[in-house]
Amino acid sequence: LPIYSLVAYCVVRVRTRLAGPLDLVSWLPICVPGVVLSFGYLNMSVQVPLFAVFYGTVWSLIFISFLSAMPLGVQVLKVHMLQLGKEIEEAGRVVGGSWNATFRKIIVPLAVPAYAVVGIIVFASTIRNVASVMLLSSGNNRVLSVLQVEFLSTGSLGPAAVVGTVIMLISLTAALIVQILSHRFGIQIGRAHV
């Protein structure tokens, strides 16, 4: 979430020539077909020395899932940043706050509801993501969605249904946790304010 937040902030607030290309790059994982993207991730994991070290580990799956969920995370946070308005940030700067302090003490607390929504959306999309991680999964570290596809491909419908149910229960549990936290801390998520 912090990287999604910084990318969204840079696209919305920072006036530079790089804001447009950065926004375009954040859309790339959703614009490229999943299988083509998976081949690109596989090539990156094998060819680039920095990523080759992590090939076949759970860390490569986490990184690829992070990249695949970037369009969702960045775009939701971008809309929220647009709603905040520049005036709030300018007020923090007027009273002597640095950019870092203004971001941490003003922007981040106001964005907590958006972070909660982005967190659950990214988690739900990641847990059922098959295309991006299919070629990077190995026998030692398979995600549930890939395991379900493997069961389906061998005709094991019972175990595939169990894995699908587990995926659904994990997603519903995460949504319930967000709802409980939102009520506990007074955050209104998913409701219109009148």
N, C-alpha and C. Protein backbone atom coordinates (compact mmCIF):
# COMPACT_ATOMS: atom_id res chain seq x y z
N LEU A 1 0.80 -1.22 0.00
CA LEU A 1 0.00 0.00 0.00
C LEU A 1 0.84 1.28 0.00
N PRO A 2 1.96 1.33 0.71
CA PRO A 2 2.74 2.58 0.67
C PRO A 2 3.22 2.93 -0.74
N ILE A 3 3.63 1.94 -1.52
CA ILE A 3 4.12 2.24 -2.87
C ILE A 3 2.96 2.66 -3.76
N TYR A 4 1.80 1.99 -3.65
CA TYR A 4 0.62 2.41 -4.40
C TYR A 4 0.27 3.85 -4.05
N SER A 5 0.36 4.17 -2.76
CA SER A 5 0.02 5.52 -2.30
C SER A 5 0.98 6.56 -2.87
N LEU A 6 2.27 6.24 -2.88
CA LEU A 6 3.25 7.20 -3.42
C LEU A 6 3.08 7.38 -4.93
N VAL A 7 2.78 6.29 -5.64
CA VAL A 7 2.56 6.41 -7.09
C VAL A 7 1.33 7.26 -7.35
N ALA A 8 0.24 7.00 -6.61
CA ALA A 8 -0.99 7.79 -6.78
C ALA A 8 -0.74 9.26 -6.45
N TYR A 9 0.01 9.52 -5.38
CA TYR A 9 0.31 10.89 -4.99
C TYR A 9 1.12 11.59 -6.08
N CYS A 10 2.14 10.92 -6.61
CA CYS A 10 2.98 11.53 -7.65
C CYS A 10 2.18 11.82 -8.91
N VAL A 11 1.26 10.92 -9.27
CA VAL A 11 0.46 11.14 -10.48
C VAL A 11 -0.49 12.32 -10.29
N VAL A 12 -1.06 12.45 -9.10
CA VAL A 12 -2.08 13.49 -8.86
C VAL A 12 -1.45 14.82 -8.49
N ARG A 13 -0.45 14.83 -7.61
CA ARG A 13 0.03 16.08 -7.04
C ARG A 13 1.31 16.64 -7.67
N VAL A 14 2.22 15.79 -8.07
CA VAL A 14 3.51 16.27 -8.55
C VAL A 14 3.37 16.67 -10.01
N ARG A 15 3.66 17.91 -10.28
CA ARG A 15 3.57 18.44 -11.65
C ARG A 15 4.91 18.27 -12.33
N THR A 16 5.04 17.21 -13.08
CA THR A 16 6.26 16.93 -13.83
C THR A 16 5.90 16.16 -15.09
N ARG A 17 6.82 16.08 -16.00
CA ARG A 17 6.56 15.35 -17.24
C ARG A 17 6.47 13.85 -17.01
N LEU A 18 6.98 13.38 -15.91
CA LEU A 18 6.98 11.95 -15.62
C LEU A 18 5.65 11.46 -15.04
N ALA A 19 4.75 12.37 -14.66
CA ALA A 19 3.48 11.96 -14.07
C ALA A 19 2.64 11.16 -15.06
N GLY A 20 2.58 11.59 -16.30
CA GLY A 20 1.80 10.87 -17.32
C GLY A 20 2.35 9.48 -17.59
N PRO A 21 3.67 9.36 -17.88
CA PRO A 21 4.23 8.02 -18.08
C PRO A 21 4.11 7.12 -16.85
N LEU A 22 4.23 7.70 -15.65
CA LEU A 22 4.07 6.91 -14.43
C LEU A 22 2.65 6.36 -14.31
N ASP A 23 1.66 7.19 -14.66
CA ASP A 23 0.27 6.74 -14.64
C ASP A 23 0.06 5.64 -15.67
N LEU A 24 0.66 5.79 -16.84
CA LEU A 24 0.55 4.77 -17.88
C LEU A 24 1.18 3.45 -17.43
N VAL A 25 2.34 3.52 -16.80
CA VAL A 25 3.01 2.30 -16.32
C VAL A 25 2.16 1.62 -15.25
N SER A 26 1.48 2.39 -14.43
CA SER A 26 0.64 1.78 -13.39
C SER A 26 -0.56 1.04 -13.99
N TRP A 27 -0.95 1.39 -15.22
CA TRP A 27 -2.06 0.70 -15.90
C TRP A 27 -1.61 -0.55 -16.65
N LEU A 28 -0.32 -0.69 -16.93
CA LEU A 28 0.16 -1.78 -17.80
C LEU A 28 -0.27 -3.19 -17.37
N PRO A 29 -0.20 -3.55 -16.09
CA PRO A 29 -0.58 -4.92 -15.75
C PRO A 29 -2.02 -5.30 -16.11
N ILE A 30 -2.90 -4.34 -16.22
CA ILE A 30 -4.29 -4.66 -16.57
C ILE A 30 -4.51 -4.57 -18.08
N CYS A 31 -3.60 -3.92 -18.79
CA CYS A 31 -3.74 -3.76 -20.24
C CYS A 31 -3.17 -4.94 -21.03
N VAL A 32 -2.24 -5.66 -20.42
CA VAL A 32 -1.59 -6.77 -21.10
C VAL A 32 -2.33 -8.06 -20.72
N PRO A 33 -2.61 -8.94 -21.68
CA PRO A 33 -3.26 -10.21 -21.34
C PRO A 33 -2.47 -10.99 -20.29
N GLY A 34 -3.18 -11.68 -19.42
CA GLY A 34 -2.56 -12.35 -18.28
C GLY A 34 -1.48 -13.35 -18.64
N VAL A 35 -1.70 -14.15 -19.68
CA VAL A 35 -0.70 -15.15 -20.06
C VAL A 35 0.56 -14.48 -20.60
N VAL A 36 0.39 -13.42 -21.40
CA VAL A 36 1.55 -12.68 -21.92
C VAL A 36 2.30 -12.04 -20.76
N LEU A 37 1.56 -11.48 -19.82
CA LEU A 37 2.18 -10.86 -18.65
C LEU A 37 2.93 -11.91 -17.83
N SER A 38 2.35 -13.09 -17.70
CA SER A 38 3.00 -14.17 -16.95
C SER A 38 4.31 -14.58 -17.61
N PHE A 39 4.32 -14.66 -18.95
CA PHE A 39 5.57 -14.96 -19.65
C PHE A 39 6.60 -13.85 -19.43
N GLY A 40 6.15 -12.60 -19.42
CA GLY A 40 7.06 -11.49 -19.14
C GLY A 40 7.64 -11.57 -17.74
N TYR A 41 6.79 -11.89 -16.76
CA TYR A 41 7.27 -12.05 -15.39
C TYR A 41 8.25 -13.21 -15.28
N LEU A 42 7.96 -14.30 -15.99
CA LEU A 42 8.86 -15.45 -15.97
C LEU A 42 10.21 -15.07 -16.57
N ASN A 43 10.17 -14.38 -17.70
CA ASN A 43 11.42 -13.94 -18.34
C ASN A 43 12.20 -13.01 -17.41
N MET A 44 11.50 -12.09 -16.75
CA MET A 44 12.16 -11.17 -15.83
C MET A 44 12.77 -11.95 -14.67
N SER A 45 12.06 -12.94 -14.16
CA SER A 45 12.55 -13.71 -13.02
C SER A 45 13.75 -14.58 -13.36
N VAL A 46 13.86 -14.97 -14.61
CA VAL A 46 14.96 -15.85 -15.01
C VAL A 46 16.15 -15.04 -15.54
N GLN A 47 15.88 -13.98 -16.31
CA GLN A 47 16.94 -13.26 -17.01
C GLN A 47 17.60 -12.14 -16.19
N VAL A 48 16.81 -11.45 -15.38
CA VAL A 48 17.35 -10.31 -14.62
C VAL A 48 18.02 -10.84 -13.35
N PRO A 49 19.32 -10.60 -13.19
CA PRO A 49 20.03 -11.18 -12.04
C PRO A 49 19.43 -10.80 -10.68
N LEU A 50 18.92 -9.59 -10.55
CA LEU A 50 18.33 -9.15 -9.29
C LEU A 50 17.14 -10.02 -8.90
N PHE A 51 16.31 -10.39 -9.89
CA PHE A 51 15.12 -11.19 -9.62
C PHE A 51 15.38 -12.69 -9.71
N ALA A 52 16.44 -13.09 -10.41
CA ALA A 52 16.74 -14.51 -10.58
C ALA A 52 17.03 -15.19 -9.24
N VAL A 53 17.55 -14.44 -8.30
CA VAL A 53 17.84 -14.99 -6.97
C VAL A 53 16.55 -15.48 -6.30
N PHE A 54 15.44 -14.79 -6.56
CA PHE A 54 14.18 -15.10 -5.90
C PHE A 54 13.30 -16.06 -6.70
N TYR A 55 13.76 -16.49 -7.87
CA TYR A 55 12.95 -17.37 -8.71
C TYR A 55 12.64 -18.68 -7.97
N GLY A 56 11.39 -19.08 -7.98
CA GLY A 56 10.96 -20.30 -7.32
C GLY A 56 10.67 -20.14 -5.84
N THR A 57 10.77 -18.91 -5.33
CA THR A 57 10.48 -18.68 -3.92
C THR A 57 9.15 -17.95 -3.77
N VAL A 58 8.69 -17.89 -2.55
CA VAL A 58 7.43 -17.19 -2.28
C VAL A 58 7.58 -15.69 -2.50
N TRP A 59 8.81 -15.18 -2.38
CA TRP A 59 9.04 -13.74 -2.56
C TRP A 59 8.76 -13.30 -3.99
N SER A 60 9.08 -14.15 -4.95
CA SER A 60 8.78 -13.80 -6.34
C SER A 60 7.27 -13.75 -6.56
N LEU A 61 6.52 -14.65 -5.92
CA LEU A 61 5.06 -14.64 -6.04
C LEU A 61 4.46 -13.39 -5.40
N ILE A 62 5.01 -13.00 -4.27
CA ILE A 62 4.53 -11.78 -3.60
C ILE A 62 4.79 -10.56 -4.48
N PHE A 63 5.99 -10.47 -5.05
CA PHE A 63 6.33 -9.33 -5.90
C PHE A 63 5.46 -9.27 -7.14
N ILE A 64 5.24 -10.42 -7.78
CA ILE A 64 4.42 -10.47 -8.99
C ILE A 64 2.97 -10.13 -8.65
N SER A 65 2.48 -10.61 -7.52
CA SER A 65 1.11 -10.27 -7.10
C SER A 65 0.98 -8.78 -6.83
N PHE A 66 2.03 -8.19 -6.24
CA PHE A 66 2.05 -6.75 -6.00
C PHE A 66 1.97 -5.98 -7.31
N LEU A 67 2.76 -6.41 -8.31
CA LEU A 67 2.73 -5.73 -9.61
C LEU A 67 1.39 -5.91 -10.31
N SER A 68 0.81 -7.11 -10.22
CA SER A 68 -0.46 -7.38 -10.90
C SER A 68 -1.61 -6.58 -10.31
N ALA A 69 -1.56 -6.30 -9.02
CA ALA A 69 -2.64 -5.57 -8.36
C ALA A 69 -2.44 -4.06 -8.42
N MET A 70 -1.35 -3.60 -9.00
CA MET A 70 -1.05 -2.17 -9.03
C MET A 70 -2.15 -1.31 -9.66
N PRO A 71 -2.74 -1.70 -10.80
CA PRO A 71 -3.78 -0.83 -11.36
C PRO A 71 -4.93 -0.58 -10.40
N LEU A 72 -5.40 -1.62 -9.72
CA LEU A 72 -6.49 -1.44 -8.77
C LEU A 72 -6.09 -0.50 -7.63
N GLY A 73 -4.96 -0.82 -7.01
CA GLY A 73 -4.53 -0.03 -5.86
C GLY A 73 -4.26 1.42 -6.19
N VAL A 74 -3.52 1.65 -7.25
CA VAL A 74 -3.14 3.02 -7.60
C VAL A 74 -4.37 3.84 -8.02
N GLN A 75 -5.26 3.25 -8.82
CA GLN A 75 -6.39 4.03 -9.33
C GLN A 75 -7.38 4.39 -8.22
N VAL A 76 -7.64 3.48 -7.29
CA VAL A 76 -8.54 3.82 -6.17
C VAL A 76 -7.91 4.90 -5.31
N LEU A 77 -6.63 4.78 -5.01
CA LEU A 77 -5.96 5.81 -4.20
C LEU A 77 -5.84 7.13 -4.95
N LYS A 78 -5.70 7.06 -6.27
CA LYS A 78 -5.62 8.29 -7.07
C LYS A 78 -6.92 9.07 -6.98
N VAL A 79 -8.03 8.37 -7.07
CA VAL A 79 -9.33 9.04 -6.94
C VAL A 79 -9.47 9.66 -5.56
N HIS A 80 -9.03 8.94 -4.53
CA HIS A 80 -9.11 9.49 -3.18
C HIS A 80 -8.22 10.73 -3.03
N MET A 81 -7.02 10.69 -3.60
CA MET A 81 -6.12 11.86 -3.53
C MET A 81 -6.73 13.07 -4.23
N LEU A 82 -7.43 12.82 -5.33
CA LEU A 82 -8.09 13.93 -6.03
C LEU A 82 -9.19 14.54 -5.18
N GLN A 83 -9.86 13.74 -4.37
CA GLN A 83 -10.94 14.25 -3.52
C GLN A 83 -10.42 15.04 -2.33
N LEU A 84 -9.20 14.76 -1.90
CA LEU A 84 -8.67 15.46 -0.72
C LEU A 84 -8.44 16.95 -0.98
N GLY A 85 -8.00 17.29 -2.15
CA GLY A 85 -7.75 18.69 -2.45
C GLY A 85 -6.37 19.14 -2.00
N LYS A 86 -5.82 20.09 -2.73
CA LYS A 86 -4.47 20.58 -2.43
C LYS A 86 -4.43 21.45 -1.19
N GLU A 87 -5.56 22.05 -0.85
CA GLU A 87 -5.57 23.02 0.24
C GLU A 87 -5.13 22.41 1.57
N ILE A 88 -5.49 21.16 1.80
CA ILE A 88 -5.11 20.49 3.05
C ILE A 88 -3.60 20.38 3.14
N GLU A 89 -3.00 19.99 2.06
CA GLU A 89 -1.55 19.84 2.04
C GLU A 89 -0.86 21.20 2.14
N GLU A 90 -1.40 22.19 1.46
CA GLU A 90 -0.82 23.53 1.53
C GLU A 90 -0.90 24.09 2.94
N ALA A 91 -1.98 23.80 3.66
CA ALA A 91 -2.10 24.26 5.04
C ALA A 91 -1.01 23.65 5.91
N GLY A 92 -0.71 22.38 5.68
CA GLY A 92 0.37 21.73 6.43
C GLY A 92 1.72 22.35 6.15
N ARG A 93 1.92 22.75 4.91
CA ARG A 93 3.20 23.38 4.55
C ARG A 93 3.30 24.79 5.14
N VAL A 94 2.17 25.50 5.19
CA VAL A 94 2.17 26.88 5.71
C VAL A 94 2.59 26.90 7.17
N VAL A 95 2.16 25.90 7.95
CA VAL A 95 2.52 25.88 9.37
C VAL A 95 3.91 25.30 9.61
N GLY A 96 4.68 25.07 8.54
CA GLY A 96 6.07 24.68 8.68
C GLY A 96 6.35 23.20 8.53
N GLY A 97 5.38 22.42 8.12
CA GLY A 97 5.60 20.99 7.95
C GLY A 97 6.34 20.69 6.66
N SER A 98 7.24 19.73 6.74
CA SER A 98 7.94 19.30 5.53
C SER A 98 6.99 18.43 4.71
N TRP A 99 7.42 18.06 3.49
CA TRP A 99 6.57 17.21 2.67
C TRP A 99 6.33 15.88 3.38
N ASN A 100 7.38 15.32 3.97
CA ASN A 100 7.28 14.04 4.65
C ASN A 100 6.31 14.11 5.83
N ALA A 101 6.44 15.15 6.65
CA ALA A 101 5.55 15.31 7.81
C ALA A 101 4.12 15.55 7.37
N THR A 102 3.93 16.36 6.35
CA THR A 102 2.58 16.64 5.84
C THR A 102 1.94 15.36 5.30
N PHE A 103 2.71 14.57 4.59
CA PHE A 103 2.18 13.33 4.03
C PHE A 103 1.81 12.35 5.14
N ARG A 104 2.72 12.18 6.12
CA ARG A 104 2.49 11.22 7.20
C ARG A 104 1.38 11.64 8.16
N LYS A 105 1.32 12.94 8.49
CA LYS A 105 0.41 13.38 9.54
C LYS A 105 -0.92 13.91 9.03
N ILE A 106 -1.01 14.22 7.75
CA ILE A 106 -2.27 14.76 7.22
C ILE A 106 -2.86 13.84 6.15
N ILE A 107 -2.09 13.55 5.11
CA ILE A 107 -2.62 12.77 3.98
C ILE A 107 -2.93 11.33 4.39
N VAL A 108 -1.98 10.67 5.04
CA VAL A 108 -2.17 9.26 5.40
C VAL A 108 -3.36 9.07 6.34
N PRO A 109 -3.50 9.85 7.43
CA PRO A 109 -4.68 9.63 8.28
C PRO A 109 -6.01 9.86 7.55
N LEU A 110 -6.04 10.82 6.63
CA LEU A 110 -7.27 11.06 5.88
C LEU A 110 -7.54 9.96 4.86
N ALA A 111 -6.48 9.23 4.47
CA ALA A 111 -6.62 8.18 3.47
C ALA A 111 -6.84 6.80 4.06
N VAL A 112 -6.97 6.69 5.38
CA VAL A 112 -7.15 5.38 6.01
C VAL A 112 -8.36 4.62 5.44
N PRO A 113 -9.52 5.24 5.24
CA PRO A 113 -10.63 4.48 4.63
C PRO A 113 -10.28 3.95 3.23
N ALA A 114 -9.58 4.76 2.45
CA ALA A 114 -9.19 4.31 1.11
C ALA A 114 -8.17 3.18 1.21
N TYR A 115 -7.25 3.25 2.17
CA TYR A 115 -6.28 2.17 2.36
C TYR A 115 -6.99 0.87 2.72
N ALA A 116 -8.01 0.96 3.57
CA ALA A 116 -8.75 -0.24 3.95
C ALA A 116 -9.44 -0.86 2.73
N VAL A 117 -10.06 -0.01 1.92
CA VAL A 117 -10.75 -0.50 0.72
C VAL A 117 -9.74 -1.09 -0.26
N VAL A 118 -8.63 -0.38 -0.49
CA VAL A 118 -7.61 -0.87 -1.41
C VAL A 118 -7.02 -2.18 -0.89
N GLY A 119 -6.79 -2.26 0.40
CA GLY A 119 -6.24 -3.48 0.97
C GLY A 119 -7.12 -4.69 0.70
N ILE A 120 -8.42 -4.55 0.92
CA ILE A 120 -9.32 -5.68 0.72
C ILE A 120 -9.50 -6.00 -0.77
N ILE A 121 -9.54 -4.97 -1.61
CA ILE A 121 -9.68 -5.21 -3.06
C ILE A 121 -8.43 -5.91 -3.60
N VAL A 122 -7.26 -5.43 -3.21
CA VAL A 122 -6.01 -6.03 -3.67
C VAL A 122 -5.89 -7.46 -3.14
N PHE A 123 -6.25 -7.66 -1.87
CA PHE A 123 -6.18 -9.00 -1.31
C PHE A 123 -7.11 -9.96 -2.04
N ALA A 124 -8.35 -9.51 -2.28
CA ALA A 124 -9.33 -10.37 -2.96
C ALA A 124 -8.91 -10.67 -4.40
N SER A 125 -8.34 -9.69 -5.09
CA SER A 125 -7.91 -9.96 -6.47
C SER A 125 -6.66 -10.81 -6.51
N THR A 126 -5.78 -10.67 -5.52
CA THR A 126 -4.55 -11.44 -5.48
C THR A 126 -4.80 -12.89 -5.14
N ILE A 127 -5.72 -13.15 -4.22
CA ILE A 127 -5.95 -14.52 -3.78
C ILE A 127 -6.55 -15.39 -4.89
N ARG A 128 -7.22 -14.76 -5.84
CA ARG A 128 -7.81 -15.55 -6.93
C ARG A 128 -7.05 -15.36 -8.26
N ASN A 129 -5.91 -14.71 -8.22
CA ASN A 129 -5.11 -14.46 -9.42
C ASN A 129 -4.44 -15.76 -9.86
N VAL A 130 -4.70 -16.15 -11.08
CA VAL A 130 -4.10 -17.37 -11.62
C VAL A 130 -3.10 -17.03 -12.72
N ALA A 131 -3.50 -16.19 -13.65
CA ALA A 131 -2.72 -15.97 -14.87
C ALA A 131 -1.32 -15.44 -14.58
N SER A 132 -1.19 -14.48 -13.70
CA SER A 132 0.12 -13.84 -13.49
C SER A 132 1.11 -14.73 -12.77
N VAL A 133 0.61 -15.60 -11.89
CA VAL A 133 1.53 -16.39 -11.07
C VAL A 133 1.66 -17.84 -11.53
N MET A 134 0.91 -18.22 -12.55
CA MET A 134 0.89 -19.63 -12.98
C MET A 134 2.28 -20.15 -13.33
N LEU A 135 3.02 -19.40 -14.12
CA LEU A 135 4.32 -19.90 -14.57
C LEU A 135 5.41 -19.76 -13.52
N LEU A 136 5.16 -18.98 -12.46
CA LEU A 136 6.17 -18.80 -11.43
C LEU A 136 5.95 -19.71 -10.23
N SER A 137 4.83 -20.40 -10.20
CA SER A 137 4.55 -21.32 -9.10
C SER A 137 5.33 -22.60 -9.30
N SER A 138 5.81 -23.13 -8.20
CA SER A 138 6.52 -24.40 -8.26
C SER A 138 5.87 -25.36 -7.26
N GLY A 139 6.38 -26.57 -7.20
CA GLY A 139 5.81 -27.56 -6.28
C GLY A 139 5.88 -27.13 -4.84
N ASN A 140 6.89 -26.34 -4.49
CA ASN A 140 7.07 -25.94 -3.10
C ASN A 140 6.20 -24.75 -2.71
N ASN A 141 5.86 -23.90 -3.66
CA ASN A 141 5.11 -22.68 -3.31
C ASN A 141 4.03 -22.39 -4.34
N ARG A 142 2.93 -23.06 -4.20
CA ARG A 142 1.79 -22.81 -5.08
C ARG A 142 0.77 -21.98 -4.32
N VAL A 143 0.19 -21.02 -5.00
CA VAL A 143 -0.90 -20.27 -4.39
C VAL A 143 -2.18 -21.08 -4.55
N LEU A 144 -3.20 -20.74 -3.76
CA LEU A 144 -4.43 -21.53 -3.77
C LEU A 144 -5.11 -21.56 -5.13
N SER A 145 -5.09 -20.44 -5.84
CA SER A 145 -5.76 -20.41 -7.14
C SER A 145 -5.09 -21.34 -8.14
N VAL A 146 -3.76 -21.43 -8.10
CA VAL A 146 -3.03 -22.35 -8.98
C VAL A 146 -3.30 -23.79 -8.57
N LEU A 147 -3.37 -24.04 -7.27
CA LEU A 147 -3.69 -25.38 -6.79
C LEU A 147 -5.08 -25.80 -7.26
N GLN A 148 -6.02 -24.87 -7.22
CA GLN A 148 -7.37 -25.18 -7.70
C GLN A 148 -7.37 -25.52 -9.19
N VAL A 149 -6.62 -24.77 -9.99
CA VAL A 149 -6.53 -25.06 -11.42
C VAL A 149 -5.90 -26.43 -11.65
N GLU A 150 -4.89 -26.76 -10.87
CA GLU A 150 -4.26 -28.08 -11.01
C GLU A 150 -5.26 -29.20 -10.70
N PHE A 151 -6.06 -29.03 -9.65
CA PHE A 151 -7.08 -30.03 -9.33
C PHE A 151 -8.11 -30.14 -10.46
N LEU A 152 -8.51 -28.99 -11.01
CA LEU A 152 -9.49 -29.01 -12.09
C LEU A 152 -8.93 -29.68 -13.34
N SER A 153 -7.65 -29.45 -13.63
CA SER A 153 -7.05 -30.03 -14.84
C SER A 153 -6.91 -31.54 -14.74
N THR A 154 -6.83 -32.08 -13.53
CA THR A 154 -6.74 -33.53 -13.37
C THR A 154 -8.10 -34.17 -13.14
N GLY A 155 -9.15 -33.36 -13.14
CA GLY A 155 -10.50 -33.89 -12.96
C GLY A 155 -10.89 -34.12 -11.51
N SER A 156 -10.10 -33.61 -10.58
CA SER A 156 -10.40 -33.75 -9.15
C SER A 156 -11.33 -32.62 -8.72
N LEU A 157 -12.62 -32.77 -9.01
CA LEU A 157 -13.57 -31.69 -8.76
C LEU A 157 -13.80 -31.46 -7.27
N GLY A 158 -13.79 -32.50 -6.47
CA GLY A 158 -14.00 -32.35 -5.02
C GLY A 158 -12.93 -31.48 -4.37
N PRO A 159 -11.65 -31.85 -4.52
CA PRO A 159 -10.60 -31.00 -3.94
C PRO A 159 -10.60 -29.58 -4.52
N ALA A 160 -10.92 -29.45 -5.82
CA ALA A 160 -10.98 -28.11 -6.42
C ALA A 160 -12.08 -27.29 -5.78
N ALA A 161 -13.22 -27.91 -5.49
CA ALA A 161 -14.32 -27.20 -4.83
C ALA A 161 -13.94 -26.79 -3.42
N VAL A 162 -13.20 -27.66 -2.73
CA VAL A 162 -12.75 -27.34 -1.38
C VAL A 162 -11.81 -26.14 -1.40
N VAL A 163 -10.86 -26.14 -2.34
CA VAL A 163 -9.93 -25.01 -2.45
C VAL A 163 -10.68 -23.73 -2.79
N GLY A 164 -11.67 -23.82 -3.70
CA GLY A 164 -12.48 -22.64 -4.03
C GLY A 164 -13.24 -22.12 -2.83
N THR A 165 -13.75 -23.03 -2.01
CA THR A 165 -14.46 -22.63 -0.79
C THR A 165 -13.51 -21.96 0.19
N VAL A 166 -12.30 -22.49 0.32
CA VAL A 166 -11.30 -21.88 1.20
C VAL A 166 -10.95 -20.47 0.73
N ILE A 167 -10.77 -20.31 -0.58
CA ILE A 167 -10.49 -18.98 -1.13
C ILE A 167 -11.62 -18.01 -0.80
N MET A 168 -12.87 -18.47 -0.99
CA MET A 168 -14.02 -17.62 -0.70
C MET A 168 -14.09 -17.27 0.79
N LEU A 169 -13.84 -18.24 1.66
CA LEU A 169 -13.89 -17.98 3.11
C LEU A 169 -12.80 -17.03 3.56
N ILE A 170 -11.61 -17.16 2.99
CA ILE A 170 -10.52 -16.23 3.32
C ILE A 170 -10.87 -14.81 2.89
N SER A 171 -11.43 -14.66 1.70
CA SER A 171 -11.83 -13.34 1.20
C SER A 171 -12.92 -12.74 2.07
N LEU A 172 -13.92 -13.54 2.43
CA LEU A 172 -15.02 -13.05 3.28
C LEU A 172 -14.51 -12.69 4.68
N THR A 173 -13.57 -13.47 5.21
CA THR A 173 -12.99 -13.15 6.52
C THR A 173 -12.25 -11.82 6.48
N ALA A 174 -11.50 -11.60 5.41
CA ALA A 174 -10.78 -10.33 5.27
C ALA A 174 -11.76 -9.16 5.19
N ALA A 175 -12.84 -9.34 4.43
CA ALA A 175 -13.85 -8.28 4.33
C ALA A 175 -14.51 -8.03 5.68
N LEU A 176 -14.77 -9.09 6.44
CA LEU A 176 -15.37 -8.94 7.76
C LEU A 176 -14.44 -8.21 8.72
N ILE A 177 -13.14 -8.52 8.65
CA ILE A 177 -12.17 -7.82 9.50
C ILE A 177 -12.14 -6.34 9.19
N VAL A 178 -12.18 -5.99 7.90
CA VAL A 178 -12.20 -4.57 7.52
C VAL A 178 -13.46 -3.90 8.05
N GLN A 179 -14.61 -4.57 7.96
CA GLN A 179 -15.86 -4.00 8.47
C GLN A 179 -15.80 -3.80 9.98
N ILE A 180 -15.26 -4.78 10.71
CA ILE A 180 -15.16 -4.66 12.17
C ILE A 180 -14.24 -3.51 12.54
N LEU A 181 -13.09 -3.42 11.87
CA LEU A 181 -12.16 -2.32 12.16
C LEU A 181 -12.77 -0.97 11.81
N SER A 182 -13.54 -0.93 10.73
CA SER A 182 -14.14 0.34 10.33
C SER A 182 -15.17 0.79 11.36
N HIS A 183 -15.94 -0.13 11.91
CA HIS A 183 -16.91 0.24 12.95
C HIS A 183 -16.21 0.62 14.25
N ARG A 184 -15.14 -0.12 14.58
CA ARG A 184 -14.43 0.15 15.83
C ARG A 184 -13.78 1.53 15.82
N PHE A 185 -13.20 1.92 14.68
CA PHE A 185 -12.51 3.20 14.62
C PHE A 185 -13.34 4.30 13.97
N GLY A 186 -14.59 4.03 13.71
CA GLY A 186 -15.49 5.06 13.18
C GLY A 186 -15.24 5.42 11.74
N ILE A 187 -14.67 4.51 10.97
CA ILE A 187 -14.40 4.78 9.56
C ILE A 187 -15.59 4.28 8.76
N GLN A 188 -16.14 5.14 7.92
CA GLN A 188 -17.27 4.76 7.08
C GLN A 188 -16.74 4.26 5.75
N ILE A 189 -16.86 2.96 5.52
CA ILE A 189 -16.37 2.35 4.28
C ILE A 189 -17.57 1.91 3.46
N GLY A 190 -17.62 2.37 2.22
CA GLY A 190 -18.65 1.91 1.32
C GLY A 190 -20.01 2.53 1.56
N ARG A 191 -20.10 3.62 2.31
CA ARG A 191 -21.37 4.27 2.54
C ARG A 191 -21.29 5.71 2.09
N ALA A 192 -22.36 6.18 1.54
CA ALA A 192 -22.40 7.58 1.08
C ALA A 192 -22.62 8.50 2.28
N HIS A 193 -21.91 9.59 2.28
CA HIS A 193 -22.08 10.61 3.33
C HIS A 193 -23.05 11.67 2.83
N VAL A 194 -24.05 11.96 3.61
CA VAL A 194 -25.03 12.96 3.22
C VAL A 194 -24.90 14.17 4.12
